[in-house]
Amino acid sequence: MNKKELKKQYAGAPPPMGVYQIRNLVNGKIFIESGLNVNGIMNSSNFQLSAGTHFNKALQEDYNKYGQDNFAFEILDYLKPKDDEKTDYREDLKLLEEMWIEKLQPFGDKGYN
């Protein structure tokens, strides 16, 4: 396969979908979220936290208190696309996110959800 074909294949590929967590390295609390573009939503959350505008107030307060270096952004799971290009993956992503929330229980002393 030549470079031109590889570029065309890459450009047509959808961004990776999945579930990620933001982990507080000081107290171990986590925040779980999913997105159709998991890298994009992680970057967006990182930017919002840095700007002090994240919608999750408890997470924002700890981020302000402990600083950027004490938080890790980690992908927990990917959702593989199906062959049908017209599939709406939002419901599948929500189910995958709910599975991770059920498994990790990021509530109270354990998290920000």
PDB file of N, CA and C in Angstrom:
ATOM      1  N   MET A   1       0.855  -1.179   0.000  1.00  0.00           N
ATOM      2  CA  MET A   1       0.000   0.000   0.000  1.00  0.00           C
ATOM      3  C   MET A   1       0.899   1.240   0.000  1.00  0.00           C
ATOM      4  N   ASN A   2       0.615   2.198  -0.888  1.00  0.00           N
ATOM      5  CA  ASN A   2       1.438   3.399  -0.965  1.00  0.00           C
ATOM      6  C   ASN A   2       0.962   4.462   0.027  1.00  0.00           C
ATOM      7  N   LYS A   3       1.727   5.545   0.128  1.00  0.00           N
ATOM      8  CA  LYS A   3       1.415   6.616   1.101  1.00  0.00           C
ATOM      9  C   LYS A   3       0.047   7.237   0.865  1.00  0.00           C
ATOM     10  N   LYS A   4      -0.298   7.451  -0.384  1.00  0.00           N
ATOM     11  CA  LYS A   4      -1.570   8.085  -0.714  1.00  0.00           C
ATOM     12  C   LYS A   4      -2.748   7.231  -0.231  1.00  0.00           C
ATOM     13  N   GLU A   5      -2.671   5.923  -0.446  1.00  0.00           N
ATOM     14  CA  GLU A   5      -3.726   5.024   0.005  1.00  0.00           C
ATOM     15  C   GLU A   5      -3.800   4.980   1.530  1.00  0.00           C
ATOM     16  N   LEU A   6      -2.661   4.988   2.196  1.00  0.00           N
ATOM     17  CA  LEU A   6      -2.628   4.987   3.660  1.00  0.00           C
ATOM     18  C   LEU A   6      -3.256   6.253   4.231  1.00  0.00           C
ATOM     19  N   LYS A   7      -2.947   7.410   3.620  1.00  0.00           N
ATOM     20  CA  LYS A   7      -3.528   8.679   4.072  1.00  0.00           C
ATOM     21  C   LYS A   7      -5.042   8.671   3.905  1.00  0.00           C
ATOM     22  N   LYS A   8      -5.510   8.141   2.787  1.00  0.00           N
ATOM     23  CA  LYS A   8      -6.950   8.080   2.523  1.00  0.00           C
ATOM     24  C   LYS A   8      -7.636   7.166   3.543  1.00  0.00           C
ATOM     25  N   GLN A   9      -7.021   6.039   3.838  1.00  0.00           N
ATOM     26  CA  GLN A   9      -7.577   5.101   4.811  1.00  0.00           C
ATOM     27  C   GLN A   9      -7.616   5.741   6.201  1.00  0.00           C
ATOM     28  N   TYR A  10      -6.554   6.432   6.589  1.00  0.00           N
ATOM     29  CA  TYR A  10      -6.490   7.089   7.892  1.00  0.00           C
ATOM     30  C   TYR A  10      -7.538   8.201   7.997  1.00  0.00           C
ATOM     31  N   ALA A  11      -7.684   8.988   6.949  1.00  0.00           N
ATOM     32  CA  ALA A  11      -8.639  10.098   6.960  1.00  0.00           C
ATOM     33  C   ALA A  11     -10.076   9.602   7.073  1.00  0.00           C
ATOM     34  N   GLY A  12     -10.363   8.424   6.536  1.00  0.00           N
ATOM     35  CA  GLY A  12     -11.709   7.881   6.579  1.00  0.00           C
ATOM     36  C   GLY A  12     -12.033   7.136   7.867  1.00  0.00           C
ATOM     37  N   ALA A  13     -11.023   6.870   8.688  1.00  0.00           N
ATOM     38  CA  ALA A  13     -11.234   6.126   9.934  1.00  0.00           C
ATOM     39  C   ALA A  13     -11.864   7.031  10.994  1.00  0.00           C
ATOM     40  N   PRO A  14     -12.868   6.523  11.687  1.00  0.00           N
ATOM     41  CA  PRO A  14     -13.482   7.333  12.749  1.00  0.00           C
ATOM     42  C   PRO A  14     -12.522   7.463  13.935  1.00  0.00           C
ATOM     43  N   PRO A  15     -12.657   8.530  14.725  1.00  0.00           N
ATOM     44  CA  PRO A  15     -11.800   8.662  15.900  1.00  0.00           C
ATOM     45  C   PRO A  15     -12.140   7.557  16.906  1.00  0.00           C
ATOM     46  N   PRO A  16     -11.199   7.169  17.756  1.00  0.00           N
ATOM     47  CA  PRO A  16     -11.486   6.110  18.721  1.00  0.00           C
ATOM     48  C   PRO A  16     -12.552   6.536  19.726  1.00  0.00           C
ATOM     49  N   MET A  17     -13.513   5.641  19.956  1.00  0.00           N
ATOM     50  CA  MET A  17     -14.591   5.872  20.911  1.00  0.00           C
ATOM     51  C   MET A  17     -14.274   5.066  22.166  1.00  0.00           C
ATOM     52  N   GLY A  18     -14.697   5.575  23.329  1.00  0.00           N
ATOM     53  CA  GLY A  18     -14.459   4.782  24.515  1.00  0.00           C
ATOM     54  C   GLY A  18     -14.746   5.490  25.816  1.00  0.00           C
ATOM     55  N   VAL A  19     -14.258   4.864  26.884  1.00  0.00           N
ATOM     56  CA  VAL A  19     -14.455   5.320  28.258  1.00  0.00           C
ATOM     57  C   VAL A  19     -13.088   5.630  28.853  1.00  0.00           C
ATOM     58  N   TYR A  20     -13.016   6.737  29.589  1.00  0.00           N
ATOM     59  CA  TYR A  20     -11.757   7.107  30.233  1.00  0.00           C
ATOM     60  C   TYR A  20     -12.023   7.515  31.671  1.00  0.00           C
ATOM     61  N   GLN A  21     -10.944   7.607  32.420  1.00  0.00           N
ATOM     62  CA  GLN A  21     -11.044   8.103  33.790  1.00  0.00           C
ATOM     63  C   GLN A  21     -10.002   9.186  34.029  1.00  0.00           C
ATOM     64  N   ILE A  22     -10.360  10.087  34.928  1.00  0.00           N
ATOM     65  CA  ILE A  22      -9.400  11.052  35.457  1.00  0.00           C
ATOM     66  C   ILE A  22      -9.149  10.574  36.879  1.00  0.00           C
ATOM     67  N   ARG A  23      -7.893  10.263  37.198  1.00  0.00           N
ATOM     68  CA  ARG A  23      -7.555   9.709  38.504  1.00  0.00           C
ATOM     69  C   ARG A  23      -6.724  10.697  39.305  1.00  0.00           C
ATOM     70  N   ASN A  24      -7.190  10.998  40.506  1.00  0.00           N
ATOM     71  CA  ASN A  24      -6.467  11.852  41.436  1.00  0.00           C
ATOM     72  C   ASN A  24      -5.381  10.993  42.082  1.00  0.00           C
ATOM     73  N   LEU A  25      -4.124  11.333  41.852  1.00  0.00           N
ATOM     74  CA  LEU A  25      -3.011  10.532  42.346  1.00  0.00           C
ATOM     75  C   LEU A  25      -2.760  10.738  43.841  1.00  0.00           C
ATOM     76  N   VAL A  26      -3.368  11.751  44.431  1.00  0.00           N
ATOM     77  CA  VAL A  26      -3.191  12.030  45.859  1.00  0.00           C
ATOM     78  C   VAL A  26      -4.170  11.209  46.701  1.00  0.00           C
ATOM     79  N   ASN A  27      -5.460  11.258  46.348  1.00  0.00           N
ATOM     80  CA  ASN A  27      -6.451  10.586  47.179  1.00  0.00           C
ATOM     81  C   ASN A  27      -7.117   9.385  46.494  1.00  0.00           C
ATOM     82  N   GLY A  28      -6.764   9.097  45.244  1.00  0.00           N
ATOM     83  CA  GLY A  28      -7.273   7.925  44.544  1.00  0.00           C
ATOM     84  C   GLY A  28      -8.667   8.070  43.957  1.00  0.00           C
ATOM     85  N   LYS A  29      -9.306   9.224  44.121  1.00  0.00           N
ATOM     86  CA  LYS A  29     -10.639   9.414  43.561  1.00  0.00           C
ATOM     87  C   LYS A  29     -10.573   9.423  42.034  1.00  0.00           C
ATOM     88  N   ILE A  30     -11.665   8.941  41.410  1.00  0.00           N
ATOM     89  CA  ILE A  30     -11.714   8.898  39.953  1.00  0.00           C
ATOM     90  C   ILE A  30     -13.010   9.504  39.433  1.00  0.00           C
ATOM     91  N   PHE A  31     -12.928   9.975  38.195  1.00  0.00           N
ATOM     92  CA  PHE A  31     -14.082  10.482  37.455  1.00  0.00           C
ATOM     93  C   PHE A  31     -14.129   9.706  36.150  1.00  0.00           C
ATOM     94  N   ILE A  32     -15.277   9.135  35.821  1.00  0.00           N
ATOM     95  CA  ILE A  32     -15.426   8.319  34.620  1.00  0.00           C
ATOM     96  C   ILE A  32     -16.382   9.001  33.652  1.00  0.00           C
ATOM     97  N   GLU A  33     -15.992   8.990  32.365  1.00  0.00           N
ATOM     98  CA  GLU A  33     -16.802   9.597  31.312  1.00  0.00           C
ATOM     99  C   GLU A  33     -16.514   8.866  30.005  1.00  0.00           C
ATOM    100  N   SER A  34     -17.432   8.982  29.045  1.00  0.00           N
ATOM    101  CA  SER A  34     -17.242   8.346  27.743  1.00  0.00           C
ATOM    102  C   SER A  34     -17.419   9.377  26.640  1.00  0.00           C
ATOM    103  N   GLY A  35     -16.972   9.016  25.430  1.00  0.00           N
ATOM    104  CA  GLY A  35     -17.133   9.927  24.313  1.00  0.00           C
ATOM    105  C   GLY A  35     -16.968   9.256  22.970  1.00  0.00           C
ATOM    106  N   LEU A  36     -17.610   9.840  21.971  1.00  0.00           N
ATOM    107  CA  LEU A  36     -17.477   9.354  20.590  1.00  0.00           C
ATOM    108  C   LEU A  36     -16.055   9.559  20.082  1.00  0.00           C
ATOM    109  N   ASN A  37     -15.356  10.527  20.647  1.00  0.00           N
ATOM    110  CA  ASN A  37     -13.941  10.761  20.375  1.00  0.00           C
ATOM    111  C   ASN A  37     -13.268  10.830  21.743  1.00  0.00           C
ATOM    112  N   VAL A  38     -12.838   9.676  22.240  1.00  0.00           N
ATOM    113  CA  VAL A  38     -12.339   9.602  23.616  1.00  0.00           C
ATOM    114  C   VAL A  38     -11.109  10.487  23.839  1.00  0.00           C
ATOM    115  N   ASN A  39     -10.236  10.584  22.860  1.00  0.00           N
ATOM    116  CA  ASN A  39      -9.067  11.457  23.010  1.00  0.00           C
ATOM    117  C   ASN A  39      -9.488  12.920  23.056  1.00  0.00           C
ATOM    118  N   GLY A  40     -10.459  13.276  22.225  1.00  0.00           N
ATOM    119  CA  GLY A  40     -10.960  14.649  22.192  1.00  0.00           C
ATOM    120  C   GLY A  40     -11.626  15.051  23.494  1.00  0.00           C
ATOM    121  N   ILE A  41     -12.441  14.168  24.064  1.00  0.00           N
ATOM    122  CA  ILE A  41     -13.133  14.513  25.307  1.00  0.00           C
ATOM    123  C   ILE A  41     -12.154  14.565  26.485  1.00  0.00           C
ATOM    124  N   MET A  42     -11.123  13.723  26.447  1.00  0.00           N
ATOM    125  CA  MET A  42     -10.092  13.812  27.490  1.00  0.00           C
ATOM    126  C   MET A  42      -9.359  15.149  27.404  1.00  0.00           C
ATOM    127  N   ASN A  43      -8.995  15.536  26.191  1.00  0.00           N
ATOM    128  CA  ASN A  43      -8.321  16.819  26.006  1.00  0.00           C
ATOM    129  C   ASN A  43      -9.213  17.979  26.441  1.00  0.00           C
ATOM    130  N   SER A  44     -10.495  17.887  26.121  1.00  0.00           N
ATOM    131  CA  SER A  44     -11.441  18.922  26.512  1.00  0.00           C
ATOM    132  C   SER A  44     -11.544  19.026  28.034  1.00  0.00           C
ATOM    133  N   SER A  45     -11.649  17.885  28.710  1.00  0.00           N
ATOM    134  CA  SER A  45     -11.712  17.898  30.178  1.00  0.00           C
ATOM    135  C   SER A  45     -10.432  18.462  30.782  1.00  0.00           C
ATOM    136  N   ASN A  46      -9.297  18.085  30.213  1.00  0.00           N
ATOM    137  CA  ASN A  46      -8.010  18.601  30.696  1.00  0.00           C
ATOM    138  C   ASN A  46      -7.959  20.122  30.542  1.00  0.00           C
ATOM    139  N   PHE A  47      -8.402  20.613  29.392  1.00  0.00           N
ATOM    140  CA  PHE A  47      -8.422  22.057  29.148  1.00  0.00           C
ATOM    141  C   PHE A  47      -9.363  22.762  30.129  1.00  0.00           C
ATOM    142  N   GLN A  48     -10.570  22.195  30.312  1.00  0.00           N
ATOM    143  CA  GLN A  48     -11.541  22.800  31.222  1.00  0.00           C
ATOM    144  C   GLN A  48     -11.007  22.849  32.653  1.00  0.00           C
ATOM    145  N   LEU A  49     -10.365  21.771  33.079  1.00  0.00           N
ATOM    146  CA  LEU A  49      -9.794  21.763  34.431  1.00  0.00           C
ATOM    147  C   LEU A  49      -8.698  22.825  34.556  1.00  0.00           C
ATOM    148  N   SER A  50      -7.851  22.923  33.552  1.00  0.00           N
ATOM    149  CA  SER A  50      -6.776  23.927  33.568  1.00  0.00           C
ATOM    150  C   SER A  50      -7.331  25.345  33.584  1.00  0.00           C
ATOM    151  N   ALA A  51      -8.472  25.536  32.910  1.00  0.00           N
ATOM    152  CA  ALA A  51      -9.101  26.860  32.840  1.00  0.00           C
ATOM    153  C   ALA A  51      -9.994  27.140  34.048  1.00  0.00           C
ATOM    154  N   GLY A  52     -10.235  26.119  34.870  1.00  0.00           N
ATOM    155  CA  GLY A  52     -11.085  26.287  36.040  1.00  0.00           C
ATOM    156  C   GLY A  52     -12.567  26.276  35.732  1.00  0.00           C
ATOM    157  N   THR A  53     -12.954  25.648  34.617  1.00  0.00           N
ATOM    158  CA  THR A  53     -14.354  25.694  34.183  1.00  0.00           C
ATOM    159  C   THR A  53     -15.006  24.317  34.050  1.00  0.00           C
ATOM    160  N   HIS A  54     -14.419  23.281  34.613  1.00  0.00           N
ATOM    161  CA  HIS A  54     -15.000  21.939  34.473  1.00  0.00           C
ATOM    162  C   HIS A  54     -16.342  21.873  35.184  1.00  0.00           C
ATOM    163  N   PHE A  55     -17.303  21.166  34.580  1.00  0.00           N
ATOM    164  CA  PHE A  55     -18.661  21.091  35.134  1.00  0.00           C
ATOM    165  C   PHE A  55     -18.735  20.327  36.452  1.00  0.00           C
ATOM    166  N   ASN A  56     -17.770  19.437  36.713  1.00  0.00           N
ATOM    167  CA  ASN A  56     -17.783  18.677  37.955  1.00  0.00           C
ATOM    168  C   ASN A  56     -17.039  19.485  39.020  1.00  0.00           C
ATOM    169  N   LYS A  57     -17.792  20.113  39.900  1.00  0.00           N
ATOM    170  CA  LYS A  57     -17.225  21.063  40.866  1.00  0.00           C
ATOM    171  C   LYS A  57     -16.264  20.408  41.852  1.00  0.00           C
ATOM    172  N   ALA A  58     -16.584  19.197  42.334  1.00  0.00           N
ATOM    173  CA  ALA A  58     -15.703  18.510  43.290  1.00  0.00           C
ATOM    174  C   ALA A  58     -14.369  18.169  42.637  1.00  0.00           C
ATOM    175  N   LEU A  59     -14.411  17.689  41.401  1.00  0.00           N
ATOM    176  CA  LEU A  59     -13.189  17.400  40.655  1.00  0.00           C
ATOM    177  C   LEU A  59     -12.391  18.685  40.435  1.00  0.00           C
ATOM    178  N   GLN A  60     -13.065  19.750  40.058  1.00  0.00           N
ATOM    179  CA  GLN A  60     -12.401  21.032  39.824  1.00  0.00           C
ATOM    180  C   GLN A  60     -11.734  21.539  41.094  1.00  0.00           C
ATOM    181  N   GLU A  61     -12.417  21.417  42.231  1.00  0.00           N
ATOM    182  CA  GLU A  61     -11.839  21.878  43.504  1.00  0.00           C
ATOM    183  C   GLU A  61     -10.566  21.106  43.839  1.00  0.00           C
ATOM    184  N   ASP A  62     -10.593  19.779  43.680  1.00  0.00           N
ATOM    185  CA  ASP A  62      -9.390  18.985  43.960  1.00  0.00           C
ATOM    186  C   ASP A  62      -8.280  19.284  42.963  1.00  0.00           C
ATOM    187  N   TYR A  63      -8.641  19.514  41.712  1.00  0.00           N
ATOM    188  CA  TYR A  63      -7.647  19.859  40.697  1.00  0.00           C
ATOM    189  C   TYR A  63      -6.962  21.173  41.066  1.00  0.00           C
ATOM    190  N   ASN A  64      -7.755  22.126  41.513  1.00  0.00           N
ATOM    191  CA  ASN A  64      -7.192  23.417  41.934  1.00  0.00           C
ATOM    192  C   ASN A  64      -6.297  23.241  43.160  1.00  0.00           C
ATOM    193  N   LYS A  65      -6.704  22.372  44.056  1.00  0.00           N
ATOM    194  CA  LYS A  65      -5.978  22.143  45.307  1.00  0.00           C
ATOM    195  C   LYS A  65      -4.659  21.392  45.086  1.00  0.00           C
ATOM    196  N   TYR A  66      -4.691  20.314  44.294  1.00  0.00           N
ATOM    197  CA  TYR A  66      -3.526  19.439  44.149  1.00  0.00           C
ATOM    198  C   TYR A  66      -2.671  19.720  42.916  1.00  0.00           C
ATOM    199  N   GLY A  67      -3.230  20.376  41.915  1.00  0.00           N
ATOM    200  CA  GLY A  67      -2.464  20.715  40.712  1.00  0.00           C
ATOM    201  C   GLY A  67      -2.497  19.645  39.638  1.00  0.00           C
ATOM    202  N   GLN A  68      -2.219  20.072  38.436  1.00  0.00           N
ATOM    203  CA  GLN A  68      -2.279  19.232  37.235  1.00  0.00           C
ATOM    204  C   GLN A  68      -1.420  17.976  37.333  1.00  0.00           C
ATOM    205  N   ASP A  69      -0.244  18.072  37.934  1.00  0.00           N
ATOM    206  CA  ASP A  69       0.670  16.934  37.984  1.00  0.00           C
ATOM    207  C   ASP A  69       0.156  15.784  38.843  1.00  0.00           C
ATOM    208  N   ASN A  70      -0.882  16.016  39.620  1.00  0.00           N
ATOM    209  CA  ASN A  70      -1.423  14.975  40.493  1.00  0.00           C
ATOM    210  C   ASN A  70      -2.701  14.339  39.933  1.00  0.00           C
ATOM    211  N   PHE A  71      -2.899  14.465  38.617  1.00  0.00           N
ATOM    212  CA  PHE A  71      -4.047  13.850  37.959  1.00  0.00           C
ATOM    213  C   PHE A  71      -3.588  13.103  36.718  1.00  0.00           C
ATOM    214  N   ALA A  72      -4.118  11.884  36.556  1.00  0.00           N
ATOM    215  CA  ALA A  72      -3.796  11.056  35.393  1.00  0.00           C
ATOM    216  C   ALA A  72      -5.061  10.854  34.563  1.00  0.00           C
ATOM    217  N   PHE A  73      -4.920  10.974  33.260  1.00  0.00           N
ATOM    218  CA  PHE A  73      -6.006  10.742  32.308  1.00  0.00           C
ATOM    219  C   PHE A  73      -5.724   9.397  31.639  1.00  0.00           C
ATOM    220  N   GLU A  74      -6.638   8.435  31.832  1.00  0.00           N
ATOM    221  CA  GLU A  74      -6.380   7.067  31.385  1.00  0.00           C
ATOM    222  C   GLU A  74      -7.598   6.486  30.662  1.00  0.00           C
ATOM    223  N   ILE A  75      -7.348   5.882  29.509  1.00  0.00           N
ATOM    224  CA  ILE A  75      -8.423   5.228  28.775  1.00  0.00           C
ATOM    225  C   ILE A  75      -8.669   3.862  29.411  1.00  0.00           C
ATOM    226  N   LEU A  76      -9.929   3.606  29.749  1.00  0.00           N
ATOM    227  CA  LEU A  76     -10.312   2.338  30.368  1.00  0.00           C
ATOM    228  C   LEU A  76     -10.726   1.301  29.336  1.00  0.00           C
ATOM    229  N   ASP A  77     -11.397   1.744  28.268  1.00  0.00           N
ATOM    230  CA  ASP A  77     -11.946   0.797  27.307  1.00  0.00           C
ATOM    231  C   ASP A  77     -12.254   1.513  26.001  1.00  0.00           C
ATOM    232  N   TYR A  78     -12.122   0.775  24.912  1.00  0.00           N
ATOM    233  CA  TYR A  78     -12.497   1.292  23.596  1.00  0.00           C
ATOM    234  C   TYR A  78     -13.750   0.588  23.111  1.00  0.00           C
ATOM    235  N   LEU A  79     -14.549   1.289  22.326  1.00  0.00           N
ATOM    236  CA  LEU A  79     -15.700   0.701  21.654  1.00  0.00           C
ATOM    237  C   LEU A  79     -15.330   0.560  20.187  1.00  0.00           C
ATOM    238  N   LYS A  80     -15.331  -0.671  19.722  1.00  0.00           N
ATOM    239  CA  LYS A  80     -14.953  -0.924  18.327  1.00  0.00           C
ATOM    240  C   LYS A  80     -16.126  -0.607  17.406  1.00  0.00           C
ATOM    241  N   PRO A  81     -15.860   0.140  16.323  1.00  0.00           N
ATOM    242  CA  PRO A  81     -16.943   0.453  15.380  1.00  0.00           C
ATOM    243  C   PRO A  81     -17.390  -0.787  14.618  1.00  0.00           C
ATOM    244  N   LYS A  82     -18.664  -0.791  14.246  1.00  0.00           N
ATOM    245  CA  LYS A  82     -19.217  -1.876  13.441  1.00  0.00           C
ATOM    246  C   LYS A  82     -19.010  -1.545  11.974  1.00  0.00           C
ATOM    247  N   ASP A  83     -19.290  -2.496  11.121  1.00  0.00           N
ATOM    248  CA  ASP A  83     -19.120  -2.279   9.677  1.00  0.00           C
ATOM    249  C   ASP A  83     -20.102  -1.257   9.128  1.00  0.00           C
ATOM    250  N   ASP A  84     -21.258  -1.116   9.775  1.00  0.00           N
ATOM    251  CA  ASP A  84     -22.285  -0.177   9.332  1.00  0.00           C
ATOM    252  C   ASP A  84     -21.891   1.241   9.743  1.00  0.00           C
ATOM    253  N   GLU A  85     -21.594   2.094   8.782  1.00  0.00           N
ATOM    254  CA  GLU A  85     -21.130   3.457   9.064  1.00  0.00           C
ATOM    255  C   GLU A  85     -22.216   4.345   9.669  1.00  0.00           C
ATOM    256  N   LYS A  86     -23.479   3.961   9.549  1.00  0.00           N
ATOM    257  CA  LYS A  86     -24.565   4.802  10.030  1.00  0.00           C
ATOM    258  C   LYS A  86     -24.988   4.479  11.458  1.00  0.00           C
ATOM    259  N   THR A  87     -24.260   3.620  12.125  1.00  0.00           N
ATOM    260  CA  THR A  87     -24.607   3.239  13.492  1.00  0.00           C
ATOM    261  C   THR A  87     -24.417   4.421  14.435  1.00  0.00           C
ATOM    262  N   ASP A  88     -25.379   4.614  15.337  1.00  0.00           N
ATOM    263  CA  ASP A  88     -25.271   5.632  16.383  1.00  0.00           C
ATOM    264  C   ASP A  88     -24.729   4.924  17.624  1.00  0.00           C
ATOM    265  N   TYR A  89     -23.541   5.295  18.041  1.00  0.00           N
ATOM    266  CA  TYR A  89     -22.847   4.603  19.119  1.00  0.00           C
ATOM    267  C   TYR A  89     -23.106   5.196  20.504  1.00  0.00           C
ATOM    268  N   ARG A  90     -23.882   6.264  20.580  1.00  0.00           N
ATOM    269  CA  ARG A  90     -24.068   6.938  21.875  1.00  0.00           C
ATOM    270  C   ARG A  90     -24.644   6.017  22.940  1.00  0.00           C
ATOM    271  N   GLU A  91     -25.633   5.213  22.578  1.00  0.00           N
ATOM    272  CA  GLU A  91     -26.243   4.304  23.558  1.00  0.00           C
ATOM    273  C   GLU A  91     -25.251   3.222  23.990  1.00  0.00           C
ATOM    274  N   ASP A  92     -24.498   2.682  23.027  1.00  0.00           N
ATOM    275  CA  ASP A  92     -23.481   1.678  23.349  1.00  0.00           C
ATOM    276  C   ASP A  92     -22.420   2.256  24.281  1.00  0.00           C
ATOM    277  N   LEU A  93     -22.018   3.490  24.017  1.00  0.00           N
ATOM    278  CA  LEU A  93     -21.025   4.138  24.878  1.00  0.00           C
ATOM    279  C   LEU A  93     -21.556   4.362  26.283  1.00  0.00           C
ATOM    280  N   LYS A  94     -22.814   4.786  26.397  1.00  0.00           N
ATOM    281  CA  LYS A  94     -23.425   4.994  27.713  1.00  0.00           C
ATOM    282  C   LYS A  94     -23.454   3.685  28.504  1.00  0.00           C
ATOM    283  N   LEU A  95     -23.797   2.580  27.826  1.00  0.00           N
ATOM    284  CA  LEU A  95     -23.814   1.272  28.485  1.00  0.00           C
ATOM    285  C   LEU A  95     -22.412   0.869  28.942  1.00  0.00           C
ATOM    286  N   LEU A  96     -21.424   1.100  28.104  1.00  0.00           N
ATOM    287  CA  LEU A  96     -20.042   0.780  28.454  1.00  0.00           C
ATOM    288  C   LEU A  96     -19.579   1.631  29.641  1.00  0.00           C
ATOM    289  N   GLU A  97     -19.945   2.918  29.618  1.00  0.00           N
ATOM    290  CA  GLU A  97     -19.619   3.814  30.732  1.00  0.00           C
ATOM    291  C   GLU A  97     -20.292   3.332  32.018  1.00  0.00           C
ATOM    292  N   GLU A  98     -21.569   2.957  31.934  1.00  0.00           N
ATOM    293  CA  GLU A  98     -22.291   2.472  33.113  1.00  0.00           C
ATOM    294  C   GLU A  98     -21.664   1.198  33.675  1.00  0.00           C
ATOM    295  N   MET A  99     -21.164   0.336  32.790  1.00  0.00           N
ATOM    296  CA  MET A  99     -20.495  -0.887  33.248  1.00  0.00           C
ATOM    297  C   MET A  99     -19.248  -0.545  34.059  1.00  0.00           C
ATOM    298  N   TRP A 100     -18.460   0.418  33.578  1.00  0.00           N
ATOM    299  CA  TRP A 100     -17.253   0.824  34.288  1.00  0.00           C
ATOM    300  C   TRP A 100     -17.593   1.524  35.601  1.00  0.00           C
ATOM    301  N   ILE A 101     -18.637   2.330  35.599  1.00  0.00           N
ATOM    302  CA  ILE A 101     -19.061   2.996  36.839  1.00  0.00           C
ATOM    303  C   ILE A 101     -19.515   1.961  37.859  1.00  0.00           C
ATOM    304  N   GLU A 102     -20.266   0.966  37.397  1.00  0.00           N
ATOM    305  CA  GLU A 102     -20.712  -0.101  38.302  1.00  0.00           C
ATOM    306  C   GLU A 102     -19.515  -0.874  38.853  1.00  0.00           C
ATOM    307  N   LYS A 103     -18.534  -1.130  38.014  1.00  0.00           N
ATOM    308  CA  LYS A 103     -17.355  -1.903  38.424  1.00  0.00           C
ATOM    309  C   LYS A 103     -16.479  -1.128  39.404  1.00  0.00           C
ATOM    310  N   LEU A 104     -16.233   0.155  39.133  1.00  0.00           N
ATOM    311  CA  LEU A 104     -15.282   0.933  39.927  1.00  0.00           C
ATOM    312  C   LEU A 104     -15.923   1.758  41.047  1.00  0.00           C
ATOM    313  N   GLN A 105     -17.242   1.957  40.972  1.00  0.00           N
ATOM    314  CA  GLN A 105     -17.989   2.668  42.017  1.00  0.00           C
ATOM    315  C   GLN A 105     -17.342   4.011  42.399  1.00  0.00           C
ATOM    316  N   PRO A 106     -17.232   4.953  41.453  1.00  0.00           N
ATOM    317  CA  PRO A 106     -16.561   6.233  41.724  1.00  0.00           C
ATOM    318  C   PRO A 106     -17.455   7.249  42.437  1.00  0.00           C
ATOM    319  N   PHE A 107     -17.898   6.885  43.618  1.00  0.00           N
ATOM    320  CA  PHE A 107     -18.807   7.741  44.387  1.00  0.00           C
ATOM    321  C   PHE A 107     -18.217   8.024  45.761  1.00  0.00           C
ATOM    322  N   GLY A 108     -18.653   9.129  46.375  1.00  0.00           N
ATOM    323  CA  GLY A 108     -18.224   9.451  47.734  1.00  0.00           C
ATOM    324  C   GLY A 108     -16.713   9.574  47.855  1.00  0.00           C
ATOM    325  N   ASP A 109     -16.137   8.807  48.753  1.00  0.00           N
ATOM    326  CA  ASP A 109     -14.690   8.846  48.980  1.00  0.00           C
ATOM    327  C   ASP A 109     -13.885   8.231  47.838  1.00  0.00           C
ATOM    328  N   LYS A 110     -14.562   7.517  46.928  1.00  0.00           N
ATOM    329  CA  LYS A 110     -13.871   6.834  45.838  1.00  0.00           C
ATOM    330  C   LYS A 110     -13.916   7.579  44.517  1.00  0.00           C
ATOM    331  N   GLY A 111     -14.716   8.655  44.446  1.00  0.00           N
ATOM    332  CA  GLY A 111     -14.773   9.303  43.135  1.00  0.00           C
ATOM    333  C   GLY A 111     -15.620  10.546  43.060  1.00  0.00           C
ATOM    334  N   TYR A 112     -15.763  11.003  41.817  1.00  0.00           N
ATOM    335  CA  TYR A 112     -16.417  12.277  41.510  1.00  0.00           C
ATOM    336  C   TYR A 112     -17.714  12.117  40.725  1.00  0.00           C
ATOM    337  N   ASN A 113     -18.142  10.884  40.430  1.00  0.00           N
ATOM    338  CA  ASN A 113     -19.349  10.704  39.626  1.00  0.00           C
ATOM    339  C   ASN A 113     -20.607  10.844  40.443  1.00  0.00           C
TER     340      ASN A 113
END
